[in-house]
Amino acid sequence: MNRNQGMKTKTNSTTKSVLFILLALVFVTAMIGDSVYARLGNASDSNSQSQKEDKKKKEKSKSKSKSEDSESEKDSNKDSKSQGRDHNAAPTVVLTAEGVHSVEATVETEPVPHGGDAADDPAIWINPSDPTLSTIIGTDKQGGLAVYDLSGKQLQYLADGLMDNVDLRDGFKLNGKAVSIVAAGNRRDNSIAIYTVNPQTRLLENAAARKINHGIQIYGTCLYQNRKTSKTYYYGTSKSGDVEQWELFDNGQGRVDARKVRNFKVGTVIEGCVADDEFGQFYVSEEAVGIWKYGAEPETGNQRTLVDKVGNGHLYADVEGLAIAYGRDGTGYLMASSQGNHTYVVYRRDGNNEFVKKFRIGNGSATDGAEETDGIDVTTANLGPAFPYGLFVAQDGFNDKGNQNFKLVPLQLIVK
């Protein structure tokens, strides 16, 4: 082997060694890189997965919160006739954030004859000769009308039909004499039931000239009397949200007839209503919405004002019975049954019906409280020692001593 061959062989060997080392370095570097990349990648994936899980948890929590809020809202606005429980179960009084004044009823009427959801709406008749002998006329929507004295004793029961709401007015001219007229909506035959009060016996006597049928499916009832003309009107409300206004008049034979003079649409389900005779205003409760104020005269049209609405902290659906407490010089109060939370809301009668207070009828020494009230009535007249400053009457949806009845509260316990 010559020198050149030896150098060539040595060079080849050296080259192979260098290449081997380079390949080894590349391999090791690649392995290290993969390992580092893998560790970094795993860390990144882990963080990403953790973030995804956290996001899912937050979304789930948010969804749950929304669901709970939704359920809570549904519960607070659920149809108050069921409240998600059996009608015979004891109700839970839900107090709102604002203070609620609690009062006690000093008297309760005898229960209505029918069980279940039966008693509904009261009307106070003031005896002109002796206010202590005044009466409460109450509806039994499963059977008729009852008359009670101020001790709660039943004096009369007329099984004349499915009477839902009732109202009365004094001074109606019949046969040339001023009488107290009583009207109720009869759901049995969808008619207007009309009576007068016999001042000697304090009992009701039928006075309808004929069967007067509504053009709507009757639900609620109230009366209005123009203080200038003495014209008396009957309002009928309905679940369809429609209102009918009828003028009541003497048919010339000592009986009461009626003619329709107005009809208009309020919206959804309406029942409770009341008219302010002095101011010429008609109030109606749209159960899931709030209290509307219209003009009471037939020609006043459909212009209206929303007095208060559900969700404002005062009213909880269903908004039910309404009543007017007349004071001197245009003062007084508009009262409403907030059935959804077993309270009653008081507004000023004048101006824009400013909110005054809320109260409830709690358990007392003489009676149990009142819950899920439908109809109410009120008077500021002195009815004697038991009710010297007036009287507030409310239907009780859960009477502890039997069927539903009506609770009587001295007015001075509510407003001064």
Protein backbone atom coordinates (compact mmCIF):
# COMPACT_ATOMS: atom_id res chain seq x y z
CA MET A 1 0.00 0.00 0.00
CA ASN A 2 1.44 3.33 -0.96
CA ARG A 3 1.34 6.50 1.09
CA ASN A 4 -1.54 7.99 -0.92
CA GLN A 5 -3.63 4.88 -0.34
CA GLY A 6 -2.89 5.06 3.39
CA MET A 7 -3.89 8.70 3.57
CA LYS A 8 -7.10 7.95 1.65
CA THR A 9 -7.97 5.14 4.03
CA LYS A 10 -7.30 7.34 7.07
CA THR A 11 -9.37 10.15 5.58
CA ASN A 12 -12.30 7.83 4.90
CA SER A 13 -12.14 6.50 8.46
CA THR A 14 -12.04 10.01 9.93
CA THR A 15 -14.94 11.12 7.73
CA LYS A 16 -17.04 8.15 8.82
CA SER A 17 -16.29 8.93 12.48
CA VAL A 18 -17.28 12.57 12.08
CA LEU A 19 -20.48 11.61 10.26
CA PHE A 20 -21.33 9.10 12.97
CA ILE A 21 -20.82 11.72 15.68
CA LEU A 22 -22.92 14.26 13.78
CA LEU A 23 -25.72 11.75 13.28
CA ALA A 24 -25.58 10.85 16.95
CA LEU A 25 -25.80 14.50 17.94
CA VAL A 26 -28.76 15.05 15.61
CA PHE A 27 -30.52 12.00 17.07
CA VAL A 28 -29.91 13.09 20.67
CA THR A 29 -31.03 16.65 19.90
CA ALA A 30 -34.16 15.36 18.25
CA MET A 31 -34.94 13.14 21.23
CA ILE A 32 -34.40 15.98 23.68
CA GLY A 33 -36.51 18.33 21.54
CA ASP A 34 -39.34 15.82 21.34
CA SER A 35 -39.25 15.34 25.07
CA VAL A 36 -39.25 19.06 25.78
CA TYR A 37 -41.97 19.63 23.20
CA ALA A 38 -43.99 16.83 24.66
CA ARG A 39 -43.68 18.27 28.14
CA LEU A 40 -44.58 21.76 26.93
CA GLY A 41 -47.42 20.40 24.82
CA ASN A 42 -48.79 18.38 27.69
CA ALA A 43 -48.63 21.41 29.94
CA SER A 44 -50.40 23.48 27.31
CA ASP A 45 -53.05 20.80 26.78
CA SER A 46 -53.47 20.47 30.51
CA ASN A 47 -53.95 24.21 30.91
CA SER A 48 -56.33 24.29 27.97
CA GLN A 49 -58.34 21.39 29.38
CA SER A 50 -58.40 23.03 32.79
CA GLN A 51 -59.63 26.27 31.25
CA LYS A 52 -62.30 24.40 29.32
CA GLU A 53 -63.47 22.64 32.48
CA ASP A 54 -63.52 25.92 34.41
CA LYS A 55 -65.50 27.51 31.60
CA LYS A 56 -67.97 24.63 31.62
CA LYS A 57 -68.36 24.92 35.39
CA LYS A 58 -68.99 28.65 35.13
CA GLU A 59 -71.48 28.16 32.30
CA LYS A 60 -73.21 25.41 34.26
CA SER A 61 -73.29 27.57 37.37
CA LYS A 62 -74.61 30.52 35.35
CA SER A 63 -77.20 28.33 33.70
CA LYS A 64 -78.26 26.95 37.07
CA SER A 65 -78.47 30.44 38.51
CA LYS A 66 -80.62 31.58 35.59
CA SER A 67 -82.78 28.51 35.98
CA GLU A 68 -83.21 29.14 39.70
CA ASP A 69 -83.98 32.81 39.06
CA SER A 70 -86.47 31.80 36.40
CA GLU A 71 -88.13 29.29 38.72
CA SER A 72 -88.18 31.86 41.49
CA GLU A 73 -89.82 34.37 39.16
CA LYS A 74 -92.30 31.75 38.00
CA ASP A 75 -93.12 30.85 41.60
CA SER A 76 -93.66 34.45 42.61
CA ASN A 77 -96.03 35.01 39.66
CA LYS A 78 -97.70 31.60 39.66
CA ASP A 79 -101.49 31.52 39.50
CA SER A 80 -102.28 32.33 43.09
CA LYS A 81 -105.33 30.11 43.15
CA SER A 82 -103.04 27.10 43.19
CA GLN A 83 -99.60 28.30 44.36
CA GLY A 84 -98.42 24.80 43.46
CA ARG A 85 -100.20 23.23 46.42
CA ASP A 86 -103.48 21.68 47.44
CA HIS A 87 -106.15 24.29 48.15
CA ASN A 88 -106.64 22.89 51.66
CA ALA A 89 -102.94 23.21 52.54
CA ALA A 90 -101.86 26.00 54.87
CA PRO A 91 -100.41 28.92 52.84
CA THR A 92 -97.03 30.51 53.42
CA VAL A 93 -97.12 34.28 53.76
CA VAL A 94 -94.40 35.86 51.61
CA LEU A 95 -93.32 39.25 52.88
CA THR A 96 -91.82 41.71 50.42
CA ALA A 97 -88.70 43.78 50.92
CA GLU A 98 -90.78 46.73 52.06
CA GLY A 99 -92.41 46.75 55.48
CA VAL A 100 -95.88 45.23 55.68
CA HIS A 101 -98.21 46.42 58.42
CA SER A 102 -100.02 43.51 60.11
CA VAL A 103 -103.56 43.93 61.46
CA GLU A 104 -106.07 41.59 63.08
CA ALA A 105 -109.68 40.95 62.16
CA THR A 106 -111.98 41.38 65.15
CA VAL A 107 -114.91 39.55 63.55
CA GLU A 108 -115.35 36.85 60.92
CA THR A 109 -118.52 35.70 59.19
CA GLU A 110 -119.93 32.23 59.30
CA PRO A 111 -118.42 30.09 56.50
CA VAL A 112 -120.23 29.92 53.17
CA PRO A 113 -122.22 26.70 52.63
CA HIS A 114 -120.04 25.37 49.83
CA GLY A 115 -116.50 24.04 50.16
CA GLY A 116 -113.45 24.70 48.03
CA ASP A 117 -113.02 28.02 46.26
CA ALA A 118 -116.47 29.45 46.99
CA ALA A 119 -116.60 32.76 48.91
CA ASP A 120 -115.47 35.62 46.71
CA ASP A 121 -116.65 39.21 47.07
CA PRO A 122 -118.28 41.32 49.83
CA ALA A 123 -120.35 44.51 49.78
CA ILE A 124 -121.20 46.61 52.85
CA TRP A 125 -124.76 47.88 53.26
CA ILE A 126 -125.08 50.75 55.77
CA ASN A 127 -128.38 50.81 57.64
CA PRO A 128 -129.59 54.44 57.45
CA SER A 129 -131.65 54.16 60.64
CA ASP A 130 -129.10 52.37 62.82
CA PRO A 131 -125.56 51.83 61.46
CA THR A 132 -124.94 49.10 64.05
CA LEU A 133 -127.52 47.05 62.14
CA SER A 134 -125.59 47.30 58.88
CA THR A 135 -124.87 44.12 56.93
CA ILE A 136 -122.28 42.39 54.78
CA ILE A 137 -123.51 40.87 51.51
CA GLY A 138 -121.12 38.15 50.37
CA THR A 139 -121.00 35.99 47.26
CA ASP A 140 -120.77 32.21 47.23
CA LYS A 141 -119.69 31.51 43.66
CA GLN A 142 -120.67 27.88 44.10
CA GLY A 143 -124.26 28.68 44.94
CA GLY A 144 -125.59 32.16 45.72
CA LEU A 145 -125.58 35.21 47.99
CA ALA A 146 -125.37 35.45 51.79
CA VAL A 147 -126.25 38.32 54.12
CA TYR A 148 -124.42 38.68 57.46
CA ASP A 149 -124.78 41.07 60.38
CA LEU A 150 -121.76 42.85 61.89
CA SER A 151 -121.20 39.97 64.32
CA GLY A 152 -120.72 37.63 61.37
CA LYS A 153 -124.02 35.79 61.78
CA GLN A 154 -125.75 34.72 58.57
CA LEU A 155 -129.18 36.34 58.21
CA GLN A 156 -130.10 35.14 54.72
CA TYR A 157 -128.88 32.82 51.98
CA LEU A 158 -130.25 33.01 48.44
CA ALA A 159 -129.37 29.98 46.31
CA ASP A 160 -129.95 31.98 43.13
CA GLY A 161 -126.93 30.93 41.09
CA LEU A 162 -123.15 31.11 40.78
CA MET A 163 -122.61 34.65 42.06
CA ASP A 164 -119.04 35.84 41.58
CA ASN A 165 -118.89 39.55 42.48
CA VAL A 166 -121.40 41.90 44.12
CA ASP A 167 -121.79 45.65 44.61
CA LEU A 168 -124.46 48.09 45.80
CA ARG A 169 -125.51 51.74 45.68
CA ASP A 170 -127.94 53.75 47.79
CA GLY A 171 -130.33 56.35 46.39
CA PHE A 172 -131.52 54.43 43.31
CA LYS A 173 -134.97 55.74 42.32
CA LEU A 174 -137.48 52.90 42.05
CA ASN A 175 -141.23 53.52 42.07
CA GLY A 176 -140.49 57.08 43.09
CA LYS A 177 -138.57 56.05 46.20
CA ALA A 178 -134.85 55.94 46.94
CA VAL A 179 -133.73 52.36 47.53
CA SER A 180 -130.47 50.47 48.00
CA ILE A 181 -129.80 48.48 44.85
CA VAL A 182 -127.60 45.36 44.79
CA ALA A 183 -126.19 43.77 41.62
CA ALA A 184 -124.20 40.59 41.08
CA GLY A 185 -122.92 38.64 38.09
CA ASN A 186 -124.54 35.20 37.86
CA ARG A 187 -122.25 32.76 36.06
CA ARG A 188 -124.91 30.05 36.00
CA ASP A 189 -126.86 31.74 33.20
CA ASN A 190 -124.49 34.66 32.46
CA SER A 191 -127.03 37.21 33.67
CA ILE A 192 -127.14 40.33 35.85
CA ALA A 193 -128.81 39.52 39.18
CA ILE A 194 -130.52 42.59 40.70
CA TYR A 195 -131.94 43.03 44.21
CA THR A 196 -133.01 45.74 46.62
CA VAL A 197 -132.38 45.78 50.36
CA ASN A 198 -135.46 45.78 52.57
CA PRO A 199 -134.48 48.35 55.25
CA GLN A 200 -136.79 46.78 57.86
CA THR A 201 -135.70 43.15 57.49
CA ARG A 202 -132.21 43.93 56.09
CA LEU A 203 -132.77 41.10 53.60
CA LEU A 204 -132.47 41.04 49.81
CA GLU A 205 -135.48 41.07 47.49
CA ASN A 206 -135.34 40.29 43.78
CA ALA A 207 -135.92 43.40 41.66
CA ALA A 208 -134.90 42.41 38.11
CA ALA A 209 -137.46 43.28 35.44
CA ARG A 210 -136.30 40.39 33.26
CA LYS A 211 -133.39 38.08 32.62
CA ILE A 212 -130.62 40.43 31.50
CA ASN A 213 -127.85 38.57 29.69
CA HIS A 214 -124.27 39.78 29.30
CA GLY A 215 -122.62 39.86 25.91
CA ILE A 216 -119.47 38.50 27.57
CA GLN A 217 -118.76 35.58 29.88
CA ILE A 218 -119.22 37.39 33.17
CA TYR A 219 -116.46 37.28 35.79
CA GLY A 220 -116.47 40.49 37.88
CA THR A 221 -119.01 43.15 38.82
CA CYS A 222 -119.13 46.69 40.23
CA LEU A 223 -121.47 49.70 40.21
CA TYR A 224 -121.06 53.42 39.50
CA GLN A 225 -123.44 56.25 40.36
CA ASN A 226 -123.10 59.73 38.89
CA ARG A 227 -123.54 62.14 41.82
CA LYS A 228 -124.94 64.91 39.62
CA THR A 229 -127.48 62.95 37.58
CA SER A 230 -127.98 60.01 39.99
CA LYS A 231 -127.74 57.66 37.01
CA THR A 232 -126.53 54.23 38.11
CA TYR A 233 -124.37 51.95 35.98
CA TYR A 234 -123.36 48.32 36.17
CA TYR A 235 -119.92 47.14 34.99
CA GLY A 236 -119.25 43.53 34.01
CA THR A 237 -115.71 42.19 33.51
CA SER A 238 -114.46 38.98 31.92
CA LYS A 239 -111.59 36.53 31.58
CA SER A 240 -111.29 37.64 27.95
CA GLY A 241 -110.35 41.13 29.12
CA ASP A 242 -113.58 42.77 27.91
CA VAL A 243 -115.73 45.21 29.90
CA GLU A 244 -119.44 45.96 29.48
CA GLN A 245 -121.18 48.99 30.97
CA TRP A 246 -124.95 48.95 31.46
CA GLU A 247 -127.27 51.72 32.62
CA LEU A 248 -129.77 50.53 35.25
CA PHE A 249 -133.23 52.13 35.27
CA ASP A 250 -136.77 51.81 36.60
CA ASN A 251 -138.92 50.13 33.96
CA GLY A 252 -141.99 52.05 35.16
CA GLN A 253 -143.43 49.08 37.00
CA GLY A 254 -141.22 49.10 40.04
CA ARG A 255 -138.64 46.72 38.56
CA VAL A 256 -135.05 47.32 37.45
CA ASP A 257 -134.06 46.95 33.80
CA ALA A 258 -130.77 47.64 32.00
CA ARG A 259 -129.43 48.77 28.64
CA LYS A 260 -125.87 48.42 27.40
CA VAL A 261 -124.14 51.77 26.86
CA ARG A 262 -120.47 50.93 26.42
CA ASN A 263 -117.98 48.13 25.93
CA PHE A 264 -114.18 48.15 25.68
CA LYS A 265 -111.15 45.90 25.84
CA VAL A 266 -108.66 46.10 28.72
CA GLY A 267 -106.32 43.23 27.82
CA THR A 268 -105.98 39.87 29.56
CA VAL A 269 -107.98 38.39 32.47
CA ILE A 270 -109.87 41.02 34.52
CA GLU A 271 -112.21 40.57 37.47
CA GLY A 272 -112.01 43.05 40.34
CA CYS A 273 -113.26 46.57 39.70
CA VAL A 274 -114.54 49.62 41.56
CA ALA A 275 -115.85 53.06 40.61
CA ASP A 276 -115.14 56.37 42.31
CA ASP A 277 -118.52 58.12 42.23
CA GLU A 278 -117.16 61.52 43.28
CA PHE A 279 -114.32 61.72 40.75
CA GLY A 280 -116.08 59.78 37.97
CA GLN A 281 -113.35 57.16 37.64
CA PHE A 282 -113.46 53.43 36.95
CA TYR A 283 -110.66 51.16 38.22
CA VAL A 284 -110.13 47.59 37.06
CA SER A 285 -107.58 44.91 37.98
CA GLU A 286 -105.86 43.17 35.08
CA GLU A 287 -104.77 40.21 37.16
CA ALA A 288 -101.30 39.58 35.71
CA VAL A 289 -100.56 43.22 34.83
CA GLY A 290 -101.80 45.79 37.36
CA ILE A 291 -104.50 48.36 38.07
CA TRP A 292 -105.97 50.53 35.28
CA LYS A 293 -107.94 53.76 35.65
CA TYR A 294 -110.57 54.83 33.08
CA GLY A 295 -113.27 57.47 32.95
CA ALA A 296 -116.50 56.09 34.43
CA GLU A 297 -118.98 57.81 32.13
CA PRO A 298 -120.10 55.98 28.96
CA GLU A 299 -118.78 58.72 26.66
CA THR A 300 -115.26 58.90 28.18
CA GLY A 301 -113.83 56.35 25.74
CA ASN A 302 -110.83 54.09 26.20
CA GLN A 303 -108.20 56.50 27.52
CA ARG A 304 -106.55 55.00 30.57
CA THR A 305 -103.76 55.31 33.13
CA LEU A 306 -101.75 52.51 34.74
CA VAL A 307 -101.98 53.16 38.48
CA ASP A 308 -99.50 50.45 39.46
CA LYS A 309 -98.16 47.28 37.91
CA VAL A 310 -97.10 43.81 38.98
CA GLY A 311 -93.35 43.69 39.57
CA ASN A 312 -93.01 47.20 41.03
CA GLY A 313 -92.72 45.83 44.56
CA HIS A 314 -96.31 46.55 45.60
CA LEU A 315 -98.51 44.18 43.58
CA TYR A 316 -98.02 40.43 43.17
CA ALA A 317 -100.22 38.56 40.69
CA ASP A 318 -103.05 37.97 40.82
CA VAL A 319 -104.26 41.52 41.37
CA GLU A 320 -107.83 41.02 42.60
CA GLY A 321 -110.45 43.02 44.51
CA LEU A 322 -110.58 46.83 44.61
CA ALA A 323 -112.37 49.20 46.98
CA ILE A 324 -112.68 52.96 47.60
CA ALA A 325 -112.49 54.52 51.08
CA TYR A 326 -114.03 58.00 50.80
CA GLY A 327 -112.58 60.81 52.91
CA ARG A 328 -113.49 64.46 53.27
CA ASP A 329 -112.79 67.02 50.55
CA GLY A 330 -111.73 64.50 47.92
CA THR A 331 -109.35 62.59 50.18
CA GLY A 332 -109.43 58.88 50.85
CA TYR A 333 -107.90 55.70 49.55
CA LEU A 334 -107.96 53.16 46.76
CA MET A 335 -107.35 49.67 48.15
CA ALA A 336 -106.35 46.52 46.28
CA SER A 337 -105.93 42.83 47.05
CA SER A 338 -102.43 41.63 46.11
CA GLN A 339 -103.35 37.97 46.10
CA GLY A 340 -99.93 36.63 45.12
CA ASN A 341 -98.35 37.56 48.47
CA HIS A 342 -101.47 37.71 50.68
CA THR A 343 -101.34 41.47 51.24
CA TYR A 344 -103.43 44.55 50.56
CA VAL A 345 -102.09 47.71 48.95
CA VAL A 346 -103.28 51.23 49.78
CA TYR A 347 -103.04 54.19 47.38
CA ARG A 348 -104.20 57.77 47.60
CA ARG A 349 -107.58 58.22 45.99
CA ASP A 350 -106.75 61.64 44.59
CA GLY A 351 -104.10 62.84 42.14
CA ASN A 352 -101.96 60.13 40.60
CA ASN A 353 -102.92 57.49 43.18
CA GLU A 354 -99.65 57.69 45.08
CA PHE A 355 -98.68 54.51 46.96
CA VAL A 356 -99.32 54.77 50.72
CA LYS A 357 -98.68 51.42 52.40
CA LYS A 358 -99.18 47.66 52.42
CA PHE A 359 -100.80 45.56 55.11
CA ARG A 360 -101.89 42.01 55.78
CA ILE A 361 -104.48 40.40 58.03
CA GLY A 362 -102.61 38.18 60.48
CA ASN A 363 -103.76 35.69 63.08
CA GLY A 364 -105.46 37.36 66.04
CA SER A 365 -107.06 36.52 69.34
CA ALA A 366 -110.55 36.43 67.82
CA THR A 367 -109.91 35.12 64.30
CA ASP A 368 -107.32 33.58 62.04
CA GLY A 369 -105.70 35.66 59.32
CA ALA A 370 -106.75 36.07 55.70
CA GLU A 371 -104.88 34.69 52.69
CA GLU A 372 -105.37 34.60 48.92
CA THR A 373 -108.09 37.25 49.09
CA ASP A 374 -110.35 37.77 46.11
CA GLY A 375 -112.84 40.52 46.86
CA ILE A 376 -112.73 43.39 49.36
CA ASP A 377 -114.92 46.30 50.44
CA VAL A 378 -114.49 49.27 52.75
CA THR A 379 -116.48 52.09 54.33
CA THR A 380 -115.42 55.10 56.39
CA ALA A 381 -118.85 55.39 58.05
CA ASN A 382 -119.26 55.06 61.82
CA LEU A 383 -120.91 51.67 62.33
CA GLY A 384 -121.07 51.87 66.11
CA PRO A 385 -118.77 50.75 68.96
CA ALA A 386 -117.33 47.78 67.06
CA PHE A 387 -116.34 49.85 64.01
CA PRO A 388 -116.42 53.54 65.00
CA TYR A 389 -114.10 54.77 62.24
CA GLY A 390 -115.21 52.46 59.45
CA LEU A 391 -114.82 48.88 58.32
CA PHE A 392 -112.65 46.85 55.94
CA VAL A 393 -113.96 43.46 54.77
CA ALA A 394 -111.89 40.82 52.96
CA GLN A 395 -112.63 37.37 51.60
CA ASP A 396 -110.46 34.71 53.25
CA GLY A 397 -109.26 31.98 50.91
CA PHE A 398 -108.04 29.76 53.79
CA ASN A 399 -110.38 29.86 56.77
CA ASP A 400 -109.06 27.73 59.65
CA LYS A 401 -112.53 26.86 60.92
CA GLY A 402 -114.10 25.40 57.79
CA ASN A 403 -115.22 26.70 54.43
CA GLN A 404 -114.09 30.10 53.19
CA ASN A 405 -115.55 33.21 54.80
CA PHE A 406 -115.08 36.97 55.22
CA LYS A 407 -112.92 38.82 57.75
CA LEU A 408 -113.93 42.18 59.31
CA VAL A 409 -111.21 44.68 60.35
CA PRO A 410 -111.79 48.04 62.12
CA LEU A 411 -110.59 50.62 59.61
CA GLN A 412 -108.57 52.60 62.18
CA LEU A 413 -106.19 49.64 62.44
CA ILE A 414 -105.30 50.16 58.78
CA VAL A 415 -105.46 53.92 58.16
CA LYS A 416 -106.04 56.87 60.47
